Amino acid sequence: MKKLVTAMGWALLVMLFSSPLLAKQEVRLWSYYEFPPFVISTAEKVGLSYDFVEMMNLFEDNEQYEFVLEILPRKRLNAYLSKGKKGAVLWVNPMFFNDLKKEKYFWTKRLLEDEQSFVSRAKDPFIFKGAKSLMKPGFVLGGMRGHIYGGIQDEIDQGLIERTDVDKEKQNIGMLLKKRVNVFLIPYTAMKYYEKKMNLYGKIFYSPKPLNTYSRSIMVSHDRAVYDFL
């Protein structure tokens, strides 16, 4: 009996002192893309971002990290980054964060290809021909709050391009159909989803020339070990 008690005692001690060593480090994966294909349903946790995080946690060689997805507004993300919080941002590009030289943050290899599309009404099509094509009296560009649009941002900041912002990508579709904006910017991958889901065929027009094309990567903030793992 004494041997049994002693054995149980040793087993409990091993569990007590070894469990912290086995605990995984939590790593926040941030994304401000609350729209398809990245997020289709937050309630049901459906979308590319959820699938990606689940895949990362299921990797056999991942013995040290527990990845947790946090969907948040771009403004809050900017605040996190300005405070030097550790974490990683999904599906972004250096030009979104004024880090073209990749000196502020760590950047993984590209994961996806995408473009920032100009979408207008089919009955009033807009063709992008540079910043000047947006500088018209009464012409309104729809954008996303907190986003920086490389290539035309200087003209926006100078008030040469009139821009109105919304909090969610889908809201700009309604703004366009109600003629509150003349054109809006949206990732091509997202717009193709909405076009099918909302039956917008024949109602919208894509400018042959987008604002820009870009790759999507993971940006890691202040954590070299996580970057090396990714």
Protein backbone atom coordinates (compact mmCIF):
# COMPACT_ATOMS: atom_id res chain seq x y z
CA MET A 1 0.00 0.00 0.00
CA LYS A 2 2.84 2.37 0.91
CA LYS A 3 4.49 1.64 -2.43
CA LEU A 4 1.24 2.50 -4.22
CA VAL A 5 0.88 5.79 -2.33
CA THR A 6 4.52 6.64 -3.01
CA ALA A 7 4.11 5.86 -6.71
CA MET A 8 0.98 8.02 -6.90
CA GLY A 9 2.81 10.82 -5.11
CA TRP A 10 5.67 10.73 -7.59
CA ALA A 11 3.20 10.67 -10.48
CA LEU A 12 1.43 13.76 -9.14
CA LEU A 13 4.75 15.56 -8.69
CA VAL A 14 5.78 14.75 -12.24
CA MET A 15 2.45 16.04 -13.56
CA LEU A 16 2.66 19.15 -11.39
CA PHE A 17 6.13 20.18 -12.47
CA SER A 18 6.05 18.99 -16.06
CA SER A 19 2.71 20.51 -17.12
CA PRO A 20 4.03 24.10 -17.33
CA LEU A 21 6.81 22.83 -19.57
CA LEU A 22 4.26 21.23 -21.89
CA ALA A 23 2.01 24.30 -22.02
CA LYS A 24 2.11 26.03 -25.39
CA GLN A 25 2.81 29.73 -25.80
CA GLU A 26 -0.24 31.64 -27.01
CA VAL A 27 0.35 33.68 -30.16
CA ARG A 28 -2.20 36.20 -31.39
CA LEU A 29 -2.91 36.16 -35.11
CA TRP A 30 -4.65 39.42 -35.95
CA SER A 31 -6.78 40.16 -38.99
CA TYR A 32 -8.82 43.24 -39.82
CA TYR A 33 -10.46 41.48 -42.77
CA GLU A 34 -13.97 40.73 -41.56
CA PHE A 35 -15.23 39.84 -45.02
CA PRO A 36 -15.11 36.86 -47.42
CA PRO A 37 -13.20 34.80 -48.21
CA PHE A 38 -11.26 35.51 -45.00
CA VAL A 39 -14.32 35.61 -42.73
CA ILE A 40 -17.69 34.31 -43.88
CA SER A 41 -19.30 33.89 -40.44
CA THR A 42 -17.83 35.03 -37.13
CA ALA A 43 -20.58 33.23 -35.19
CA GLU A 44 -19.81 29.89 -36.83
CA LYS A 45 -16.10 30.66 -37.29
CA VAL A 46 -16.18 29.99 -41.01
CA GLY A 47 -13.69 31.42 -43.47
CA LEU A 48 -10.12 31.24 -44.71
CA SER A 49 -8.68 32.89 -41.58
CA TYR A 50 -10.32 30.35 -39.26
CA ASP A 51 -9.20 27.46 -41.47
CA PHE A 52 -5.64 28.77 -41.56
CA VAL A 53 -5.38 29.12 -37.77
CA GLU A 54 -6.83 25.65 -37.25
CA MET A 55 -4.30 24.23 -39.70
CA MET A 56 -1.41 25.95 -37.89
CA ASN A 57 -2.49 24.44 -34.58
CA LEU A 58 -2.75 20.95 -36.08
CA PHE A 59 0.76 20.86 -37.54
CA GLU A 60 2.64 17.88 -36.11
CA ASP A 61 5.85 19.87 -35.65
CA ASN A 62 4.06 22.65 -33.74
CA GLU A 63 4.85 21.74 -30.15
CA GLN A 64 5.41 25.25 -28.80
CA TYR A 65 2.63 27.56 -30.03
CA GLU A 66 -1.14 27.85 -29.67
CA PHE A 67 -2.35 30.25 -32.36
CA VAL A 68 -5.44 32.32 -31.53
CA LEU A 69 -7.30 34.36 -34.15
CA GLU A 70 -8.45 37.86 -33.23
CA ILE A 71 -10.62 39.79 -35.70
CA LEU A 72 -10.32 43.50 -34.99
CA PRO A 73 -10.69 46.92 -36.66
CA ARG A 74 -7.65 48.35 -38.43
CA LYS A 75 -7.52 51.28 -35.99
CA ARG A 76 -7.19 48.96 -33.01
CA LEU A 77 -4.51 46.98 -34.81
CA ASN A 78 -2.62 50.20 -35.47
CA ALA A 79 -2.81 50.97 -31.74
CA TYR A 80 -1.47 47.50 -30.88
CA LEU A 81 1.45 47.93 -33.26
CA SER A 82 2.28 51.42 -32.01
CA LYS A 83 2.52 49.99 -28.48
CA GLY A 84 4.87 47.25 -29.68
CA LYS A 85 2.55 44.35 -28.90
CA LYS A 86 3.74 40.93 -30.01
CA GLY A 87 1.65 39.09 -32.57
CA ALA A 88 1.22 38.52 -36.29
CA VAL A 89 -1.08 40.00 -38.92
CA LEU A 90 -2.65 37.75 -41.56
CA TRP A 91 -3.05 38.45 -45.28
CA VAL A 92 -1.19 41.77 -45.51
CA ASN A 93 1.47 43.45 -47.61
CA PRO A 94 4.35 45.79 -46.67
CA MET A 95 2.76 48.68 -48.57
CA PHE A 96 -0.27 48.53 -46.24
CA PHE A 97 2.01 49.48 -43.33
CA ASN A 98 4.54 51.80 -45.00
CA ASP A 99 7.18 49.09 -44.66
CA LEU A 100 8.26 48.52 -48.27
CA LYS A 101 11.87 48.01 -47.15
CA LYS A 102 10.68 45.46 -44.56
CA GLU A 103 12.57 47.16 -41.76
CA LYS A 104 9.77 47.69 -39.22
CA TYR A 105 8.43 44.14 -39.11
CA PHE A 106 9.22 40.57 -40.13
CA TRP A 107 7.51 39.32 -43.31
CA THR A 108 6.89 35.75 -44.45
CA LYS A 109 6.88 34.60 -48.05
CA ARG A 110 3.75 35.36 -50.07
CA LEU A 111 0.66 33.26 -49.43
CA LEU A 112 -1.86 34.72 -51.90
CA GLU A 113 -2.09 37.07 -54.87
CA ASP A 114 -4.75 39.78 -54.95
CA GLU A 115 -5.53 43.27 -56.24
CA GLN A 116 -7.27 46.41 -55.02
CA SER A 117 -10.14 46.76 -57.49
CA PHE A 118 -12.14 49.82 -58.45
CA VAL A 119 -15.82 48.81 -58.61
CA SER A 120 -18.47 51.09 -60.10
CA ARG A 121 -22.02 50.78 -61.44
CA ALA A 122 -22.31 49.06 -64.82
CA LYS A 123 -24.48 51.94 -66.07
CA ASP A 124 -21.85 54.48 -65.01
CA PRO A 125 -18.52 52.66 -65.42
CA PHE A 126 -15.30 54.11 -64.05
CA ILE A 127 -11.93 53.36 -65.62
CA PHE A 128 -8.93 54.18 -63.46
CA LYS A 129 -6.25 56.16 -65.30
CA GLY A 130 -4.23 57.41 -62.36
CA ALA A 131 -5.03 59.71 -59.45
CA LYS A 132 -6.26 62.52 -61.74
CA SER A 133 -9.13 60.35 -63.00
CA LEU A 134 -10.57 60.49 -59.46
CA MET A 135 -10.27 64.28 -59.20
CA LYS A 136 -13.67 65.37 -60.48
CA PRO A 137 -16.17 67.78 -58.92
CA GLY A 138 -18.75 65.79 -56.95
CA PHE A 139 -16.96 62.49 -57.59
CA VAL A 140 -16.79 60.37 -54.42
CA LEU A 141 -14.49 57.42 -53.75
CA GLY A 142 -15.60 54.81 -51.23
CA GLY A 143 -12.92 53.42 -48.93
CA MET A 144 -12.39 51.57 -45.68
CA ARG A 145 -11.81 53.48 -42.45
CA GLY A 146 -8.17 53.37 -41.37
CA HIS A 147 -6.87 52.02 -44.69
CA ILE A 148 -3.97 53.53 -46.60
CA TYR A 149 -4.32 53.41 -50.39
CA GLY A 150 -0.87 53.48 -51.92
CA GLY A 151 -0.69 55.40 -55.19
CA ILE A 152 -3.48 57.87 -54.38
CA GLN A 153 -3.10 58.44 -50.63
CA ASP A 154 -1.17 61.71 -51.04
CA GLU A 155 -3.97 63.14 -53.20
CA ILE A 156 -6.55 61.96 -50.66
CA ASP A 157 -4.63 63.58 -47.80
CA GLN A 158 -4.39 66.82 -49.78
CA GLY A 159 -8.16 66.84 -50.33
CA LEU A 160 -7.80 66.46 -54.09
CA ILE A 161 -9.77 63.21 -54.03
CA GLU A 162 -13.03 63.13 -52.09
CA ARG A 163 -13.21 59.95 -50.04
CA THR A 164 -15.89 58.63 -47.72
CA ASP A 165 -15.21 55.63 -45.47
CA VAL A 166 -17.22 52.77 -44.00
CA ASP A 167 -16.40 50.14 -41.38
CA LYS A 168 -17.24 47.02 -43.38
CA GLU A 169 -16.47 46.18 -47.01
CA LYS A 170 -20.04 45.14 -47.79
CA GLN A 171 -21.37 48.58 -46.80
CA ASN A 172 -19.65 50.14 -49.80
CA ILE A 173 -21.67 47.94 -52.16
CA GLY A 174 -24.85 49.45 -50.74
CA MET A 175 -23.35 52.94 -50.97
CA LEU A 176 -22.60 52.34 -54.65
CA LEU A 177 -26.03 50.95 -55.54
CA LYS A 178 -27.68 53.88 -53.73
CA LYS A 179 -25.43 56.27 -55.71
CA ARG A 180 -23.79 57.69 -52.59
CA VAL A 181 -20.35 56.92 -54.01
CA ASN A 182 -19.25 56.78 -57.63
CA VAL A 183 -16.72 54.02 -57.17
CA PHE A 184 -15.17 52.12 -54.28
CA LEU A 185 -12.05 50.11 -53.57
CA ILE A 186 -12.20 46.49 -52.47
CA PRO A 187 -9.95 43.42 -52.72
CA TYR A 188 -10.80 41.46 -55.86
CA THR A 189 -11.09 38.18 -53.93
CA ALA A 190 -13.75 39.68 -51.66
CA MET A 191 -15.74 41.34 -54.45
CA LYS A 192 -15.99 38.15 -56.50
CA TYR A 193 -17.56 36.44 -53.48
CA TYR A 194 -20.09 39.25 -52.99
CA GLU A 195 -20.83 39.42 -56.70
CA LYS A 196 -21.99 35.80 -56.63
CA LYS A 197 -23.63 35.93 -53.19
CA MET A 198 -25.60 39.12 -53.90
CA ASN A 199 -26.35 38.33 -57.56
CA LEU A 200 -24.60 41.45 -58.85
CA TYR A 201 -23.83 40.12 -62.32
CA GLY A 202 -24.42 42.86 -64.87
CA LYS A 203 -24.86 45.50 -62.16
CA ILE A 204 -21.22 46.32 -61.42
CA PHE A 205 -18.12 47.14 -63.44
CA TYR A 206 -14.48 46.38 -62.64
CA SER A 207 -11.93 48.90 -63.87
CA PRO A 208 -9.51 47.09 -66.23
CA LYS A 209 -6.70 48.77 -64.31
CA PRO A 210 -6.77 48.20 -60.52
CA LEU A 211 -5.22 50.56 -58.00
CA ASN A 212 -2.50 47.98 -57.46
CA THR A 213 -1.79 44.27 -57.44
CA TYR A 214 -0.06 42.69 -54.49
CA SER A 215 0.81 39.53 -52.64
CA ARG A 216 -0.55 38.69 -49.20
CA SER A 217 1.82 37.52 -46.47
CA ILE A 218 1.99 37.31 -42.69
CA MET A 219 3.53 40.26 -40.87
CA VAL A 220 5.13 39.44 -37.50
CA SER A 221 5.47 42.15 -34.87
CA HIS A 222 8.38 41.97 -32.39
CA ASP A 223 8.72 38.19 -32.22
CA ARG A 224 11.61 36.67 -34.16
CA ALA A 225 10.95 33.16 -32.82
CA VAL A 226 7.39 33.12 -34.19
CA TYR A 227 8.63 34.50 -37.51
CA ASP A 228 11.22 31.71 -37.75
CA PHE A 229 8.49 29.14 -37.06
CA LEU A 230 6.18 30.56 -39.72
